[in-house]
Amino acid sequence: MNEEILENEQIVDLTNIKQELIKLTIMKHTGKEPTTRVINKFSKYLIMEYENNTSKNSLDNRLNSLCKAIEKKYDKYTRIREL
């Protein structure tokens, strides 16, 4: 049960990160802030594009890997900072 809760939290976190990354990337590319509708539609498009992609290079796996790397580096940073 706890594993399921943690997995759901990770999915929600990853979805939020992906939504924010999409928003920031579109803003950088167009110079304008996209509407929530545009972000949601583009997110659905990405889901369709990567529907059957289970490789390590899939968008979700890359984001998940990046998050884990940041978490590890932050943990190391907090340990060093305390010295």
C-alpha atoms as a PDB file:
ATOM      1  CA  MET A   1       0.000   0.000   0.000  1.00  0.00           C
ATOM      2  CA  ASN A   2       2.780   2.454   0.933  1.00  0.00           C
ATOM      3  CA  GLU A   3       4.650   1.604  -2.269  1.00  0.00           C
ATOM      4  CA  GLU A   4       1.514   2.417  -4.266  1.00  0.00           C
ATOM      5  CA  ILE A   5       1.164   5.785  -2.519  1.00  0.00           C
ATOM      6  CA  LEU A   6       4.819   6.623  -3.155  1.00  0.00           C
ATOM      7  CA  GLU A   7       4.484   5.602  -6.802  1.00  0.00           C
ATOM      8  CA  ASN A   8       1.386   7.786  -7.213  1.00  0.00           C
ATOM      9  CA  GLU A   9       3.182  10.728  -5.592  1.00  0.00           C
ATOM     10  CA  GLN A  10       6.123  10.233  -7.943  1.00  0.00           C
ATOM     11  CA  ILE A  11       3.800  10.184 -10.962  1.00  0.00           C
ATOM     12  CA  VAL A  12       2.084  13.377  -9.798  1.00  0.00           C
ATOM     13  CA  ASP A  13       5.439  15.040  -9.174  1.00  0.00           C
ATOM     14  CA  LEU A  14       6.736  13.961 -12.574  1.00  0.00           C
ATOM     15  CA  THR A  15       3.564  15.214 -14.251  1.00  0.00           C
ATOM     16  CA  ASN A  16       3.908  18.583 -12.525  1.00  0.00           C
ATOM     17  CA  ILE A  17       7.558  18.817 -13.527  1.00  0.00           C
ATOM     18  CA  LYS A  18       6.700  17.901 -17.111  1.00  0.00           C
ATOM     19  CA  GLN A  19       3.898  20.511 -17.239  1.00  0.00           C
ATOM     20  CA  GLU A  20       6.209  23.219 -15.893  1.00  0.00           C
ATOM     21  CA  LEU A  21       8.993  22.241 -18.291  1.00  0.00           C
ATOM     22  CA  ILE A  22       6.560  22.379 -21.218  1.00  0.00           C
ATOM     23  CA  LYS A  23       5.335  25.798 -20.092  1.00  0.00           C
ATOM     24  CA  LEU A  24       8.843  27.209 -19.707  1.00  0.00           C
ATOM     25  CA  THR A  25      10.054  25.731 -22.985  1.00  0.00           C
ATOM     26  CA  ILE A  26       7.101  27.161 -24.925  1.00  0.00           C
ATOM     27  CA  MET A  27       7.639  30.541 -23.231  1.00  0.00           C
ATOM     28  CA  LYS A  28      11.303  30.526 -24.179  1.00  0.00           C
ATOM     29  CA  HIS A  29      10.514  29.451 -27.745  1.00  0.00           C
ATOM     30  CA  THR A  30       7.633  31.851 -28.425  1.00  0.00           C
ATOM     31  CA  GLY A  31       8.335  34.682 -26.009  1.00  0.00           C
ATOM     32  CA  LYS A  32       4.779  34.383 -24.664  1.00  0.00           C
ATOM     33  CA  GLU A  33       3.308  32.474 -21.752  1.00  0.00           C
ATOM     34  CA  PRO A  34       1.128  29.621 -23.035  1.00  0.00           C
ATOM     35  CA  THR A  35      -2.388  29.150 -21.737  1.00  0.00           C
ATOM     36  CA  THR A  36      -3.271  26.158 -19.602  1.00  0.00           C
ATOM     37  CA  ARG A  37      -5.308  24.862 -22.529  1.00  0.00           C
ATOM     38  CA  VAL A  38      -2.270  24.937 -24.857  1.00  0.00           C
ATOM     39  CA  ILE A  39      -0.112  23.207 -22.243  1.00  0.00           C
ATOM     40  CA  ASN A  40      -2.725  20.485 -21.696  1.00  0.00           C
ATOM     41  CA  LYS A  41      -3.252  19.902 -25.411  1.00  0.00           C
ATOM     42  CA  PHE A  42       0.477  19.723 -26.081  1.00  0.00           C
ATOM     43  CA  SER A  43       0.879  17.344 -23.127  1.00  0.00           C
ATOM     44  CA  LYS A  44      -1.753  15.054 -24.637  1.00  0.00           C
ATOM     45  CA  TYR A  45       0.085  15.230 -27.952  1.00  0.00           C
ATOM     46  CA  LEU A  46       3.329  14.199 -26.248  1.00  0.00           C
ATOM     47  CA  ILE A  47       1.576  11.294 -24.526  1.00  0.00           C
ATOM     48  CA  MET A  48       0.303  10.156 -27.929  1.00  0.00           C
ATOM     49  CA  GLU A  49       3.761  10.549 -29.506  1.00  0.00           C
ATOM     50  CA  TYR A  50       5.522   8.586 -26.763  1.00  0.00           C
ATOM     51  CA  GLU A  51       2.656   6.151 -26.132  1.00  0.00           C
ATOM     52  CA  ASN A  52       4.596   2.947 -26.696  1.00  0.00           C
ATOM     53  CA  ASN A  53       8.078   4.241 -25.964  1.00  0.00           C
ATOM     54  CA  THR A  54       9.403   2.247 -23.010  1.00  0.00           C
ATOM     55  CA  SER A  55      13.072   2.832 -23.766  1.00  0.00           C
ATOM     56  CA  LYS A  56      15.467   4.505 -21.356  1.00  0.00           C
ATOM     57  CA  ASN A  57      15.414   7.505 -23.682  1.00  0.00           C
ATOM     58  CA  SER A  58      11.691   8.149 -23.299  1.00  0.00           C
ATOM     59  CA  LEU A  59      10.735  11.583 -22.058  1.00  0.00           C
ATOM     60  CA  ASP A  60       9.391  10.273 -18.730  1.00  0.00           C
ATOM     61  CA  ASN A  61      12.489   8.180 -18.064  1.00  0.00           C
ATOM     62  CA  ARG A  62      14.772  11.105 -18.867  1.00  0.00           C
ATOM     63  CA  LEU A  63      12.863  13.432 -16.536  1.00  0.00           C
ATOM     64  CA  ASN A  64      12.779  10.807 -13.799  1.00  0.00           C
ATOM     65  CA  SER A  65      16.516  10.246 -14.153  1.00  0.00           C
ATOM     66  CA  LEU A  66      17.197  13.982 -14.037  1.00  0.00           C
ATOM     67  CA  CYS A  67      15.095  14.359 -10.873  1.00  0.00           C
ATOM     68  CA  LYS A  68      16.952  11.501  -9.184  1.00  0.00           C
ATOM     69  CA  ALA A  69      20.322  13.015 -10.142  1.00  0.00           C
ATOM     70  CA  ILE A  70      19.302  16.385  -8.695  1.00  0.00           C
ATOM     71  CA  GLU A  71      18.062  14.729  -5.489  1.00  0.00           C
ATOM     72  CA  LYS A  72      21.359  12.842  -5.051  1.00  0.00           C
ATOM     73  CA  LYS A  73      23.432  15.966  -5.681  1.00  0.00           C
ATOM     74  CA  TYR A  74      21.268  17.967  -3.278  1.00  0.00           C
ATOM     75  CA  ASP A  75      21.705  15.321  -0.568  1.00  0.00           C
ATOM     76  CA  LYS A  76      25.465  15.464  -1.104  1.00  0.00           C
ATOM     77  CA  TYR A  77      25.383  19.260  -1.030  1.00  0.00           C
ATOM     78  CA  THR A  78      23.470  19.322   2.284  1.00  0.00           C
ATOM     79  CA  ARG A  79      25.971  16.902   3.854  1.00  0.00           C
ATOM     80  CA  ILE A  80      28.932  19.002   2.687  1.00  0.00           C
ATOM     81  CA  ARG A  81      27.279  22.270   3.718  1.00  0.00           C
ATOM     82  CA  GLU A  82      26.951  21.009   7.299  1.00  0.00           C
ATOM     83  CA  LEU A  83      30.715  20.516   7.623  1.00  0.00           C
END
